[in-house]
PDB file of all heavy atoms in Angstrom:
ATOM      1  N   GLN A   1    -104.654-101.199 114.958  1.00  0.00           N
ATOM      2  CA  GLN A   1    -103.752-100.634 115.965  1.00  0.00           C
ATOM      3  C   GLN A   1    -102.900-101.728 116.596  1.00  0.00           C
ATOM      4  O   GLN A   1    -101.711-101.537 116.853  1.00  0.00           O
ATOM      5  CB  GLN A   1    -104.560 -99.905 117.036  1.00  0.00           C
ATOM      6  CG  GLN A   1    -103.685 -99.185 118.052  1.00  0.00           C
ATOM      7  CD  GLN A   1    -104.494 -98.544 119.166  1.00  0.00           C
ATOM      8  OE1 GLN A   1    -105.520 -99.065 119.594  1.00  0.00           O
ATOM      9  NE2 GLN A   1    -104.040 -97.403 119.642  1.00  0.00           N
ATOM     10  N   LEU A   2    -103.502-102.894 116.833  1.00  0.00           N
ATOM     11  CA  LEU A   2    -102.745-104.023 117.382  1.00  0.00           C
ATOM     12  C   LEU A   2    -101.615-104.418 116.438  1.00  0.00           C
ATOM     13  O   LEU A   2    -100.467-104.623 116.871  1.00  0.00           O
ATOM     14  CB  LEU A   2    -103.692-105.204 117.608  1.00  0.00           C
ATOM     15  CG  LEU A   2    -103.034-106.554 117.939  1.00  0.00           C
ATOM     16  CD1 LEU A   2    -102.307-106.489 119.272  1.00  0.00           C
ATOM     17  CD2 LEU A   2    -104.062-107.674 117.945  1.00  0.00           C
ATOM     18  N   LEU A   3    -101.924-104.516 115.164  1.00  0.00           N
ATOM     19  CA  LEU A   3    -100.911-104.948 114.197  1.00  0.00           C
ATOM     20  C   LEU A   3     -99.784-103.930 114.059  1.00  0.00           C
ATOM     21  O   LEU A   3     -98.603-104.299 114.014  1.00  0.00           O
ATOM     22  CB  LEU A   3    -101.570-105.191 112.840  1.00  0.00           C
ATOM     23  CG  LEU A   3    -102.580-106.346 112.767  1.00  0.00           C
ATOM     24  CD1 LEU A   3    -103.160-106.465 111.365  1.00  0.00           C
ATOM     25  CD2 LEU A   3    -101.940-107.659 113.190  1.00  0.00           C
ATOM     26  N   ILE A   4    -100.131-102.632 113.999  1.00  0.00           N
ATOM     27  CA  ILE A   4     -99.067-101.638 113.820  1.00  0.00           C
ATOM     28  C   ILE A   4     -98.261-101.468 115.100  1.00  0.00           C
ATOM     29  O   ILE A   4     -97.067-101.150 115.041  1.00  0.00           O
ATOM     30  CB  ILE A   4     -99.626-100.278 113.346  1.00  0.00           C
ATOM     31  CG1 ILE A   4    -100.530 -99.638 114.397  1.00  0.00           C
ATOM     32  CG2 ILE A   4    -100.351-100.417 112.033  1.00  0.00           C
ATOM     33  CD1 ILE A   4    -100.917 -98.210 114.060  1.00  0.00           C
ATOM     34  N   THR A   5     -98.870-101.700 116.257  1.00  0.00           N
ATOM     35  CA  THR A   5     -98.107-101.638 117.514  1.00  0.00           C
ATOM     36  C   THR A   5     -97.076-102.745 117.558  1.00  0.00           C
ATOM     37  O   THR A   5     -95.908-102.528 117.912  1.00  0.00           O
ATOM     38  CB  THR A   5     -99.053-101.748 118.718  1.00  0.00           C
ATOM     39  OG1 THR A   5     -99.987-100.674 118.696  1.00  0.00           O
ATOM     40  CG2 THR A   5     -98.272-101.696 120.028  1.00  0.00           C
ATOM     41  N   ARG A   6     -97.509-103.937 117.205  1.00  0.00           N
ATOM     42  CA  ARG A   6     -96.577-105.064 117.186  1.00  0.00           C
ATOM     43  C   ARG A   6     -95.459-104.811 116.169  1.00  0.00           C
ATOM     44  O   ARG A   6     -94.285-105.058 116.446  1.00  0.00           O
ATOM     45  CB  ARG A   6     -97.335-106.344 116.832  1.00  0.00           C
ATOM     46  CG  ARG A   6     -96.478-107.600 116.921  1.00  0.00           C
ATOM     47  CD  ARG A   6     -97.250-108.796 116.418  1.00  0.00           C
ATOM     48  NE  ARG A   6     -98.401-109.050 117.275  1.00  0.00           N
ATOM     49  CZ  ARG A   6     -99.525-109.622 116.851  1.00  0.00           C
ATOM     50  NH1 ARG A   6     -99.652-109.958 115.587  1.00  0.00           N
ATOM     51  NH2 ARG A   6    -100.509-109.849 117.682  1.00  0.00           N
ATOM     52  N   GLY A   7     -95.831-104.298 114.987  1.00  0.00           N
ATOM     53  CA  GLY A   7     -94.819-104.024 113.970  1.00  0.00           C
ATOM     54  C   GLY A   7     -93.856-102.930 114.384  1.00  0.00           C
ATOM     55  O   GLY A   7     -92.642-103.028 114.151  1.00  0.00           O
ATOM     56  N   ALA A   8     -94.390-101.869 115.035  1.00  0.00           N
ATOM     57  CA  ALA A   8     -93.545-100.749 115.441  1.00  0.00           C
ATOM     58  C   ALA A   8     -92.526-101.180 116.492  1.00  0.00           C
ATOM     59  O   ALA A   8     -91.334-100.836 116.408  1.00  0.00           O
ATOM     60  CB  ALA A   8     -94.420 -99.613 115.975  1.00  0.00           C
ATOM     61  N   LEU A   9     -92.982-101.945 117.491  1.00  0.00           N
ATOM     62  CA  LEU A   9     -92.063-102.348 118.557  1.00  0.00           C
ATOM     63  C   LEU A   9     -91.086-103.420 118.078  1.00  0.00           C
ATOM     64  O   LEU A   9     -89.971-103.513 118.607  1.00  0.00           O
ATOM     65  CB  LEU A   9     -92.861-102.839 119.770  1.00  0.00           C
ATOM     66  CG  LEU A   9     -93.648-101.742 120.489  1.00  0.00           C
ATOM     67  CD1 LEU A   9     -94.315-102.280 121.735  1.00  0.00           C
ATOM     68  CD2 LEU A   9     -92.740-100.569 120.861  1.00  0.00           C
ATOM     69  N   THR A  10     -91.498-104.219 117.098  1.00  0.00           N
ATOM     70  CA  THR A  10     -90.543-105.164 116.515  1.00  0.00           C
ATOM     71  C   THR A  10     -89.437-104.415 115.775  1.00  0.00           C
ATOM     72  O   THR A  10     -88.247-104.738 115.909  1.00  0.00           O
ATOM     73  CB  THR A  10     -91.272-106.119 115.543  1.00  0.00           C
ATOM     74  OG1 THR A  10     -92.278-106.843 116.248  1.00  0.00           O
ATOM     75  CG2 THR A  10     -90.291-107.104 114.925  1.00  0.00           C
ATOM     76  N   THR A  11     -89.820-103.406 115.014  1.00  0.00           N
ATOM     77  CA  THR A  11     -88.833-102.574 114.314  1.00  0.00           C
ATOM     78  C   THR A  11     -87.892-101.903 115.306  1.00  0.00           C
ATOM     79  O   THR A  11     -86.667-101.876 115.114  1.00  0.00           O
ATOM     80  CB  THR A  11     -89.541-101.506 113.466  1.00  0.00           C
ATOM     81  OG1 THR A  11     -90.427-102.142 112.555  1.00  0.00           O
ATOM     82  CG2 THR A  11     -88.542-100.664 112.689  1.00  0.00           C
ATOM     83  N   PHE A  12     -88.469-101.361 116.380  1.00  0.00           N
ATOM     84  CA  PHE A  12     -87.660-100.686 117.403  1.00  0.00           C
ATOM     85  C   PHE A  12     -86.688-101.668 118.042  1.00  0.00           C
ATOM     86  O   PHE A  12     -85.513-101.349 118.268  1.00  0.00           O
ATOM     87  CB  PHE A  12     -88.590-100.087 118.461  1.00  0.00           C
ATOM     88  CG  PHE A  12     -87.893 -99.232 119.482  1.00  0.00           C
ATOM     89  CD1 PHE A  12     -87.739 -97.865 119.271  1.00  0.00           C
ATOM     90  CD2 PHE A  12     -87.388 -99.780 120.651  1.00  0.00           C
ATOM     91  CE1 PHE A  12     -87.091 -97.075 120.211  1.00  0.00           C
ATOM     92  CE2 PHE A  12     -86.744 -99.002 121.591  1.00  0.00           C
ATOM     93  CZ  PHE A  12     -86.601 -97.637 121.372  1.00  0.00           C
ATOM     94  N   SER A  13     -87.165-102.888 118.338  1.00  0.00           N
ATOM     95  CA  SER A  13     -86.323-103.878 119.006  1.00  0.00           C
ATOM     96  C   SER A  13     -85.152-104.299 118.125  1.00  0.00           C
ATOM     97  O   SER A  13     -84.008-104.371 118.585  1.00  0.00           O
ATOM     98  CB  SER A  13     -87.167-105.103 119.371  1.00  0.00           C
ATOM     99  OG  SER A  13     -86.387-106.097 119.992  1.00  0.00           O
ATOM    100  N   VAL A  14     -85.410-104.565 116.848  1.00  0.00           N
ATOM    101  CA  VAL A  14     -84.330-104.973 115.939  1.00  0.00           C
ATOM    102  C   VAL A  14     -83.309-103.845 115.779  1.00  0.00           C
ATOM    103  O   VAL A  14     -82.087-104.079 115.776  1.00  0.00           O
ATOM    104  CB  VAL A  14     -84.918-105.383 114.581  1.00  0.00           C
ATOM    105  CG1 VAL A  14     -83.806-105.637 113.564  1.00  0.00           C
ATOM    106  CG2 VAL A  14     -85.791-106.631 114.734  1.00  0.00           C
ATOM    107  N   SER A  15     -83.782-102.605 115.657  1.00  0.00           N
ATOM    108  CA  SER A  15     -82.874-101.462 115.541  1.00  0.00           C
ATOM    109  C   SER A  15     -82.040-101.300 116.800  1.00  0.00           C
ATOM    110  O   SER A  15     -80.853-100.949 116.744  1.00  0.00           O
ATOM    111  CB  SER A  15     -83.668-100.185 115.272  1.00  0.00           C
ATOM    112  OG  SER A  15     -84.399-100.286 114.070  1.00  0.00           O
ATOM    113  N   ASN A  16     -82.646-101.567 117.956  1.00  0.00           N
ATOM    114  CA  ASN A  16     -81.911-101.525 119.227  1.00  0.00           C
ATOM    115  C   ASN A  16     -80.733-102.472 119.205  1.00  0.00           C
ATOM    116  O   ASN A  16     -79.622-102.132 119.643  1.00  0.00           O
ATOM    117  CB  ASN A  16     -82.860-101.935 120.367  1.00  0.00           C
ATOM    118  CG  ASN A  16     -83.329-100.745 121.179  1.00  0.00           C
ATOM    119  OD1 ASN A  16     -82.834-100.491 122.260  1.00  0.00           O
ATOM    120  ND2 ASN A  16     -84.276-100.003 120.635  1.00  0.00           N
ATOM    121  N   ASP A  17     -80.994-103.688 118.716  1.00  0.00           N
ATOM    122  CA  ASP A  17     -79.937-104.697 118.724  1.00  0.00           C
ATOM    123  C   ASP A  17     -78.763-104.277 117.851  1.00  0.00           C
ATOM    124  O   ASP A  17     -77.601-104.506 118.200  1.00  0.00           O
ATOM    125  CB  ASP A  17     -80.499-106.033 118.233  1.00  0.00           C
ATOM    126  CG  ASP A  17     -81.537-106.599 119.193  1.00  0.00           C
ATOM    127  OD1 ASP A  17     -81.505-106.217 120.374  1.00  0.00           O
ATOM    128  OD2 ASP A  17     -82.379-107.395 118.754  1.00  0.00           O
ATOM    129  N   VAL A  18     -79.068-103.655 116.713  1.00  0.00           N
ATOM    130  CA  VAL A  18     -77.996-103.187 115.832  1.00  0.00           C
ATOM    131  C   VAL A  18     -77.111-102.178 116.565  1.00  0.00           C
ATOM    132  O   VAL A  18     -75.875-102.224 116.492  1.00  0.00           O
ATOM    133  CB  VAL A  18     -78.584-102.561 114.555  1.00  0.00           C
ATOM    134  CG1 VAL A  18     -77.481-101.906 113.725  1.00  0.00           C
ATOM    135  CG2 VAL A  18     -79.313-103.617 113.735  1.00  0.00           C
ATOM    136  N   ALA A  19     -77.743-101.263 117.306  1.00  0.00           N
ATOM    137  CA  ALA A  19     -76.977-100.239 118.017  1.00  0.00           C
ATOM    138  C   ALA A  19     -76.116-100.844 119.119  1.00  0.00           C
ATOM    139  O   ALA A  19     -75.010-100.354 119.399  1.00  0.00           O
ATOM    140  CB  ALA A  19     -77.938 -99.203 118.598  1.00  0.00           C
ATOM    141  N   LYS A  20     -76.622-101.919 119.749  1.00  0.00           N
ATOM    142  CA  LYS A  20     -75.859-102.526 120.849  1.00  0.00           C
ATOM    143  C   LYS A  20     -74.575-103.181 120.351  1.00  0.00           C
ATOM    144  O   LYS A  20     -73.611-103.326 121.118  1.00  0.00           O
ATOM    145  CB  LYS A  20     -76.733-103.552 121.584  1.00  0.00           C
ATOM    146  CG  LYS A  20     -77.889-102.926 122.359  1.00  0.00           C
ATOM    147  CD  LYS A  20     -78.853-104.002 122.828  1.00  0.00           C
ATOM    148  CE  LYS A  20     -80.169-103.394 123.285  1.00  0.00           C
ATOM    149  NZ  LYS A  20     -81.207-104.424 123.507  1.00  0.00           N
ATOM    150  N   TYR A  21     -74.570-103.608 119.087  1.00  0.00           N
ATOM    151  CA  TYR A  21     -73.323-104.161 118.552  1.00  0.00           C
ATOM    152  C   TYR A  21     -72.198-103.136 118.673  1.00  0.00           C
ATOM    153  O   TYR A  21     -71.056-103.465 119.013  1.00  0.00           O
ATOM    154  CB  TYR A  21     -73.480-104.540 117.080  1.00  0.00           C
ATOM    155  CG  TYR A  21     -74.589-105.509 116.770  1.00  0.00           C
ATOM    156  CD1 TYR A  21     -75.143-105.553 115.494  1.00  0.00           C
ATOM    157  CD2 TYR A  21     -75.075-106.389 117.731  1.00  0.00           C
ATOM    158  CE1 TYR A  21     -76.160-106.440 115.182  1.00  0.00           C
ATOM    159  CE2 TYR A  21     -76.092-107.270 117.430  1.00  0.00           C
ATOM    160  CZ  TYR A  21     -76.643-107.291 116.155  1.00  0.00           C
ATOM    161  OH  TYR A  21     -77.644-108.159 115.844  1.00  0.00           O
ATOM    162  N   PHE A  22     -72.520-101.873 118.377  1.00  0.00           N
ATOM    163  CA  PHE A  22     -71.511-100.815 118.422  1.00  0.00           C
ATOM    164  C   PHE A  22     -71.100-100.490 119.857  1.00  0.00           C
ATOM    165  O   PHE A  22     -70.053 -99.907 120.084  1.00  0.00           O
ATOM    166  CB  PHE A  22     -72.046 -99.550 117.749  1.00  0.00           C
ATOM    167  CG  PHE A  22     -72.181 -99.673 116.263  1.00  0.00           C
ATOM    168  CD1 PHE A  22     -73.353-100.129 115.697  1.00  0.00           C
ATOM    169  CD2 PHE A  22     -71.134 -99.348 115.424  1.00  0.00           C
ATOM    170  CE1 PHE A  22     -73.481-100.256 114.325  1.00  0.00           C
ATOM    171  CE2 PHE A  22     -71.248 -99.470 114.048  1.00  0.00           C
ATOM    172  CZ  PHE A  22     -72.423 -99.930 113.491  1.00  0.00           C
ATOM    173  N   ALA A  23     -71.914-100.851 120.817  1.00  0.00           N
ATOM    174  CA  ALA A  23     -71.585-100.553 122.214  1.00  0.00           C
ATOM    175  C   ALA A  23     -70.667-101.601 122.807  1.00  0.00           C
ATOM    176  O   ALA A  23     -69.710-101.282 123.527  1.00  0.00           O
ATOM    177  CB  ALA A  23     -72.869-100.455 123.040  1.00  0.00           C
ATOM    178  N   ILE A  24     -70.940-102.890 122.491  1.00  0.00           N
ATOM    179  CA  ILE A  24     -70.263-103.963 123.209  1.00  0.00           C
ATOM    180  C   ILE A  24     -69.059-104.515 122.432  1.00  0.00           C
ATOM    181  O   ILE A  24     -67.951-104.607 122.979  1.00  0.00           O
ATOM    182  CB  ILE A  24     -71.260-105.103 123.523  1.00  0.00           C
ATOM    183  CG1 ILE A  24     -72.406-104.571 124.385  1.00  0.00           C
ATOM    184  CG2 ILE A  24     -70.561-106.245 124.227  1.00  0.00           C
ATOM    185  CD1 ILE A  24     -73.461-105.607 124.706  1.00  0.00           C
ATOM    186  N   ILE A  25     -69.287-104.878 121.176  1.00  0.00           N
ATOM    187  CA  ILE A  25     -68.226-105.565 120.422  1.00  0.00           C
ATOM    188  C   ILE A  25     -66.943-104.727 120.348  1.00  0.00           C
ATOM    189  O   ILE A  25     -65.845-105.231 120.652  1.00  0.00           O
ATOM    190  CB  ILE A  25     -68.725-105.947 119.016  1.00  0.00           C
ATOM    191  CG1 ILE A  25     -69.956-106.859 119.112  1.00  0.00           C
ATOM    192  CG2 ILE A  25     -67.617-106.622 118.212  1.00  0.00           C
ATOM    193  CD1 ILE A  25     -69.692-108.170 119.786  1.00  0.00           C
ATOM    194  N   PRO A  26     -67.013-103.452 119.954  1.00  0.00           N
ATOM    195  CA  PRO A  26     -65.759-102.675 119.902  1.00  0.00           C
ATOM    196  C   PRO A  26     -65.091-102.543 121.265  1.00  0.00           C
ATOM    197  O   PRO A  26     -63.853-102.590 121.366  1.00  0.00           O
ATOM    198  CB  PRO A  26     -66.207-101.307 119.377  1.00  0.00           C
ATOM    199  CG  PRO A  26     -67.493-101.570 118.674  1.00  0.00           C
ATOM    200  CD  PRO A  26     -68.143-102.651 119.461  1.00  0.00           C
TER     201      PRO A  26
END
C-alpha cells in the first residue's frame, strides 16, 4: 500500500504539471 500510494500520487503530480502548462503558458 505504501508503494502504490507513492506511485499513485507521483503519477497524479506529474499529470498535474502537464495540465498547468495549458493554463499558464498560453
